[in-house]
Every structure is written in C-alpha cells, then in structure tokens.
Amino acid sequence: MAAEIERELIVLRTTEALAKRKAEGKTLGRPKGRQSAHLKLDTREAEIRSYLSKGISKRSIAKLVDCSPSTLYDWLARKHLHSRHDKLVEKL
C-alpha cells in the first residue's frame, strides 16, 4: 500500500516537472547526438568507390569492408554517393 502511494507521488512530481519545463519552453527528453566528423568507413572511401564503379552490390561491398549493410547505406547517404547503371554518381 505504501509503495503504491509513493509511486503515485513520484508520477505526480514527474508530470508537474515536465509540464513546468515545457511551459518554460525548454526541450524535453534525451538530447540528439552529434554527427561525427570522422566515420569508420572514411579510411576505405577509395576502395568503396572502386567497388561501386565496378557495379558490385552494396551488400557485397559491406561484407568486403567488414561492416553491416546499414552502416554502409548510412555512410553512402552522408557522402551523397549512389551507384546507378554501374556508374558512380556523386550529388553536389
């Protein structure tokens, strides 16, 4: 019984504090992370570009450079690199 009352008090204090911070215009929740200036795949950029120009699939490239496909996809998106028709196209 006492634990339930204590829990209700904690919930009440938390919601009041969040409402106060929101009313003050402060951001709530966990802060967003910064994007790193140096990425894991930056050291292998030339190798990845050559694989893309040869028309190798992105999934196979990920295996060749020893990373997960999602890491490679994110890196390619941040570098604005896309392979189309076996040619490397770089967006400006």
N, C-alpha and C. Protein backbone atom coordinates (compact mmCIF):
# COMPACT_ATOMS: atom_id res chain seq x y z
N MET A 1 0.81 -1.18 0.00
CA MET A 1 0.00 0.00 0.00
C MET A 1 0.87 1.26 0.00
N ALA A 2 1.87 1.30 0.85
CA ALA A 2 2.75 2.46 0.93
C ALA A 2 3.53 2.64 -0.38
N ALA A 3 3.89 1.53 -1.01
CA ALA A 3 4.64 1.60 -2.27
C ALA A 3 3.78 2.21 -3.38
N GLU A 4 2.50 1.88 -3.38
CA GLU A 4 1.60 2.45 -4.39
C GLU A 4 1.46 3.96 -4.21
N ILE A 5 1.34 4.40 -2.96
CA ILE A 5 1.22 5.83 -2.68
C ILE A 5 2.50 6.55 -3.10
N GLU A 6 3.63 5.97 -2.76
CA GLU A 6 4.92 6.58 -3.14
C GLU A 6 5.05 6.66 -4.66
N ARG A 7 4.62 5.62 -5.35
CA ARG A 7 4.69 5.62 -6.82
C ARG A 7 3.81 6.72 -7.40
N GLU A 8 2.63 6.89 -6.86
CA GLU A 8 1.73 7.95 -7.32
C GLU A 8 2.35 9.33 -7.09
N LEU A 9 3.01 9.51 -5.96
CA LEU A 9 3.67 10.79 -5.67
C LEU A 9 4.81 11.06 -6.67
N ILE A 10 5.56 10.03 -6.99
CA ILE A 10 6.66 10.17 -7.95
C ILE A 10 6.10 10.54 -9.32
N VAL A 11 5.04 9.86 -9.74
CA VAL A 11 4.41 10.15 -11.03
C VAL A 11 3.91 11.59 -11.05
N LEU A 12 3.29 12.03 -9.98
CA LEU A 12 2.76 13.39 -9.89
C LEU A 12 3.88 14.42 -9.99
N ARG A 13 4.96 14.20 -9.22
CA ARG A 13 6.10 15.14 -9.27
C ARG A 13 6.73 15.18 -10.65
N THR A 14 6.85 14.03 -11.29
CA THR A 14 7.47 13.96 -12.62
C THR A 14 6.63 14.70 -13.65
N THR A 15 5.32 14.46 -13.64
CA THR A 15 4.47 15.13 -14.63
C THR A 15 4.43 16.64 -14.40
N GLU A 16 4.45 17.07 -13.14
CA GLU A 16 4.47 18.51 -12.84
C GLU A 16 5.77 19.13 -13.33
N ALA A 17 6.88 18.46 -13.09
CA ALA A 17 8.18 18.99 -13.52
C ALA A 17 8.26 19.07 -15.04
N LEU A 18 7.76 18.06 -15.73
CA LEU A 18 7.78 18.07 -17.19
C LEU A 18 6.88 19.18 -17.73
N ALA A 19 5.71 19.37 -17.14
CA ALA A 19 4.80 20.43 -17.57
C ALA A 19 5.44 21.80 -17.36
N LYS A 20 6.13 21.97 -16.23
CA LYS A 20 6.81 23.24 -15.94
C LYS A 20 7.90 23.53 -16.97
N ARG A 21 8.72 22.53 -17.27
CA ARG A 21 9.80 22.71 -18.25
C ARG A 21 9.23 23.01 -19.64
N LYS A 22 8.13 22.34 -19.99
CA LYS A 22 7.51 22.57 -21.28
C LYS A 22 6.95 23.98 -21.36
N ALA A 23 6.35 24.45 -20.27
CA ALA A 23 5.80 25.81 -20.22
C ALA A 23 6.91 26.85 -20.34
N GLU A 24 8.09 26.53 -19.82
CA GLU A 24 9.24 27.44 -19.92
C GLU A 24 9.89 27.42 -21.29
N GLY A 25 9.43 26.49 -22.12
CA GLY A 25 9.97 26.41 -23.48
C GLY A 25 11.24 25.59 -23.61
N LYS A 26 11.58 24.86 -22.58
CA LYS A 26 12.79 24.03 -22.62
C LYS A 26 12.47 22.72 -23.34
N THR A 27 13.49 22.16 -23.97
CA THR A 27 13.30 20.90 -24.67
C THR A 27 13.23 19.76 -23.66
N LEU A 28 12.42 18.77 -24.00
CA LEU A 28 12.25 17.62 -23.13
C LEU A 28 12.90 16.40 -23.76
N GLY A 29 13.30 15.46 -22.94
CA GLY A 29 13.82 14.20 -23.44
C GLY A 29 15.32 14.20 -23.65
N ARG A 30 15.76 13.13 -24.22
CA ARG A 30 17.19 12.92 -24.45
C ARG A 30 17.67 13.82 -25.58
N PRO A 31 18.83 14.48 -25.41
CA PRO A 31 19.34 15.33 -26.49
C PRO A 31 19.79 14.50 -27.69
N LYS A 32 19.66 15.09 -28.88
CA LYS A 32 20.09 14.40 -30.08
C LYS A 32 21.61 14.36 -30.13
N GLY A 33 22.12 13.27 -30.66
CA GLY A 33 23.56 13.11 -30.76
C GLY A 33 24.13 13.92 -31.92
N ARG A 34 25.40 14.27 -31.81
CA ARG A 34 26.05 14.99 -32.89
C ARG A 34 26.59 13.99 -33.90
N GLN A 35 26.66 14.42 -35.16
CA GLN A 35 27.26 13.56 -36.16
C GLN A 35 28.77 13.75 -36.11
N SER A 36 29.45 12.64 -36.12
CA SER A 36 30.90 12.65 -36.03
C SER A 36 31.52 13.20 -37.31
N ALA A 37 32.62 13.90 -37.17
CA ALA A 37 33.33 14.43 -38.34
C ALA A 37 34.08 13.31 -39.07
N HIS A 38 34.50 12.29 -38.34
CA HIS A 38 35.25 11.18 -38.93
C HIS A 38 34.44 9.90 -38.76
N LEU A 39 34.22 9.21 -39.85
CA LEU A 39 33.42 7.99 -39.82
C LEU A 39 34.30 6.76 -40.04
N LYS A 40 33.81 5.62 -39.60
CA LYS A 40 34.55 4.36 -39.69
C LYS A 40 34.97 4.05 -41.12
N LEU A 41 34.10 4.32 -42.09
CA LEU A 41 34.38 3.94 -43.47
C LEU A 41 35.16 5.01 -44.25
N ASP A 42 35.44 6.15 -43.65
CA ASP A 42 36.19 7.20 -44.36
C ASP A 42 37.56 6.72 -44.83
N THR A 43 38.18 5.85 -44.04
CA THR A 43 39.52 5.37 -44.41
C THR A 43 39.48 4.44 -45.62
N ARG A 44 38.30 3.91 -45.95
CA ARG A 44 38.17 2.97 -47.06
C ARG A 44 37.36 3.57 -48.21
N GLU A 45 37.29 4.90 -48.27
CA GLU A 45 36.47 5.56 -49.28
C GLU A 45 36.89 5.21 -50.70
N ALA A 46 38.18 5.23 -50.99
CA ALA A 46 38.65 4.92 -52.34
C ALA A 46 38.28 3.49 -52.74
N GLU A 47 38.43 2.58 -51.79
CA GLU A 47 38.09 1.17 -52.05
C GLU A 47 36.59 1.03 -52.34
N ILE A 48 35.76 1.69 -51.56
CA ILE A 48 34.30 1.61 -51.74
C ILE A 48 33.91 2.22 -53.08
N ARG A 49 34.52 3.35 -53.42
CA ARG A 49 34.22 3.99 -54.71
C ARG A 49 34.58 3.06 -55.87
N SER A 50 35.70 2.37 -55.75
CA SER A 50 36.09 1.47 -56.85
C SER A 50 35.11 0.29 -56.95
N TYR A 51 34.67 -0.23 -55.81
CA TYR A 51 33.69 -1.31 -55.83
C TYR A 51 32.38 -0.84 -56.48
N LEU A 52 31.94 0.36 -56.13
CA LEU A 52 30.71 0.90 -56.71
C LEU A 52 30.83 1.09 -58.21
N SER A 53 31.99 1.59 -58.64
CA SER A 53 32.18 1.82 -60.07
C SER A 53 32.22 0.51 -60.86
N LYS A 54 32.61 -0.58 -60.19
CA LYS A 54 32.63 -1.89 -60.84
C LYS A 54 31.25 -2.55 -60.83
N GLY A 55 30.28 -1.92 -60.15
CA GLY A 55 28.92 -2.45 -60.13
C GLY A 55 28.67 -3.52 -59.09
N ILE A 56 29.53 -3.61 -58.11
CA ILE A 56 29.36 -4.60 -57.04
C ILE A 56 28.21 -4.13 -56.14
N SER A 57 27.38 -5.06 -55.70
CA SER A 57 26.22 -4.70 -54.88
C SER A 57 26.68 -4.12 -53.54
N LYS A 58 25.84 -3.29 -52.99
CA LYS A 58 26.16 -2.64 -51.73
C LYS A 58 26.28 -3.65 -50.60
N ARG A 59 25.45 -4.67 -50.64
CA ARG A 59 25.51 -5.71 -49.61
C ARG A 59 26.85 -6.45 -49.67
N SER A 60 27.33 -6.71 -50.89
CA SER A 60 28.63 -7.38 -51.05
C SER A 60 29.77 -6.46 -50.62
N ILE A 61 29.63 -5.18 -50.93
CA ILE A 61 30.66 -4.21 -50.51
C ILE A 61 30.75 -4.18 -48.99
N ALA A 62 29.60 -4.22 -48.32
CA ALA A 62 29.59 -4.21 -46.86
C ALA A 62 30.37 -5.41 -46.31
N LYS A 63 30.21 -6.56 -46.93
CA LYS A 63 30.96 -7.74 -46.48
C LYS A 63 32.45 -7.56 -46.74
N LEU A 64 32.78 -6.97 -47.90
CA LEU A 64 34.20 -6.79 -48.25
C LEU A 64 34.91 -5.81 -47.30
N VAL A 65 34.21 -4.78 -46.85
CA VAL A 65 34.84 -3.80 -45.97
C VAL A 65 34.54 -4.07 -44.49
N ASP A 66 33.91 -5.23 -44.23
CA ASP A 66 33.67 -5.70 -42.87
C ASP A 66 32.84 -4.73 -42.04
N CYS A 67 31.63 -4.42 -42.56
CA CYS A 67 30.69 -3.61 -41.80
C CYS A 67 29.29 -4.10 -42.12
N SER A 68 28.32 -3.65 -41.36
CA SER A 68 26.95 -4.05 -41.64
C SER A 68 26.43 -3.26 -42.83
N PRO A 69 25.48 -3.81 -43.56
CA PRO A 69 24.92 -3.09 -44.70
C PRO A 69 24.32 -1.74 -44.30
N SER A 70 23.68 -1.68 -43.14
CA SER A 70 23.08 -0.41 -42.73
C SER A 70 24.14 0.66 -42.48
N THR A 71 25.30 0.27 -41.96
CA THR A 71 26.40 1.21 -41.78
C THR A 71 26.86 1.75 -43.13
N LEU A 72 26.98 0.87 -44.10
CA LEU A 72 27.39 1.29 -45.44
C LEU A 72 26.34 2.21 -46.06
N TYR A 73 25.06 1.85 -45.94
CA TYR A 73 24.00 2.68 -46.52
C TYR A 73 24.00 4.08 -45.89
N ASP A 74 24.17 4.15 -44.57
CA ASP A 74 24.22 5.44 -43.89
C ASP A 74 25.42 6.25 -44.35
N TRP A 75 26.57 5.60 -44.49
CA TRP A 75 27.79 6.28 -44.92
C TRP A 75 27.62 6.81 -46.34
N LEU A 76 27.05 5.99 -47.23
CA LEU A 76 26.83 6.42 -48.61
C LEU A 76 25.87 7.61 -48.66
N ALA A 77 24.85 7.59 -47.82
CA ALA A 77 23.90 8.71 -47.81
C ALA A 77 24.56 9.99 -47.31
N ARG A 78 25.41 9.87 -46.28
CA ARG A 78 26.09 11.06 -45.76
C ARG A 78 27.11 11.61 -46.75
N LYS A 79 27.69 10.74 -47.56
CA LYS A 79 28.66 11.16 -48.58
C LYS A 79 27.99 11.51 -49.90
N HIS A 80 26.67 11.32 -49.98
CA HIS A 80 25.88 11.58 -51.20
C HIS A 80 26.40 10.75 -52.37
N LEU A 81 26.71 9.49 -52.11
CA LEU A 81 27.18 8.58 -53.16
C LEU A 81 26.07 7.59 -53.49
N HIS A 82 25.85 7.40 -54.77
CA HIS A 82 24.84 6.45 -55.22
C HIS A 82 25.38 5.75 -56.46
N SER A 83 25.11 4.47 -56.60
CA SER A 83 25.52 3.77 -57.81
C SER A 83 24.31 3.61 -58.69
N ARG A 84 24.41 4.04 -59.93
CA ARG A 84 23.32 3.89 -60.89
C ARG A 84 23.92 3.41 -62.21
N HIS A 85 23.33 2.39 -62.76
CA HIS A 85 23.75 1.86 -64.06
C HIS A 85 25.25 1.60 -64.12
N ASP A 86 25.76 1.00 -63.07
CA ASP A 86 27.18 0.63 -62.97
C ASP A 86 28.12 1.83 -63.04
N LYS A 87 27.59 3.03 -62.80
CA LYS A 87 28.44 4.21 -62.77
C LYS A 87 28.28 4.87 -61.42
N LEU A 88 29.32 5.46 -60.94
CA LEU A 88 29.28 6.16 -59.67
C LEU A 88 28.82 7.58 -59.94
N VAL A 89 27.76 7.98 -59.30
CA VAL A 89 27.23 9.33 -59.46
C VAL A 89 27.33 10.03 -58.12
N GLU A 90 27.93 11.17 -58.10
CA GLU A 90 28.06 11.94 -56.87
C GLU A 90 27.20 13.18 -56.98
N LYS A 91 26.32 13.34 -56.00
CA LYS A 91 25.45 14.52 -55.98
C LYS A 91 26.25 15.69 -55.43
N LEU A 92 25.99 16.85 -55.95
CA LEU A 92 26.66 18.05 -55.43
C LEU A 92 25.73 18.89 -54.64
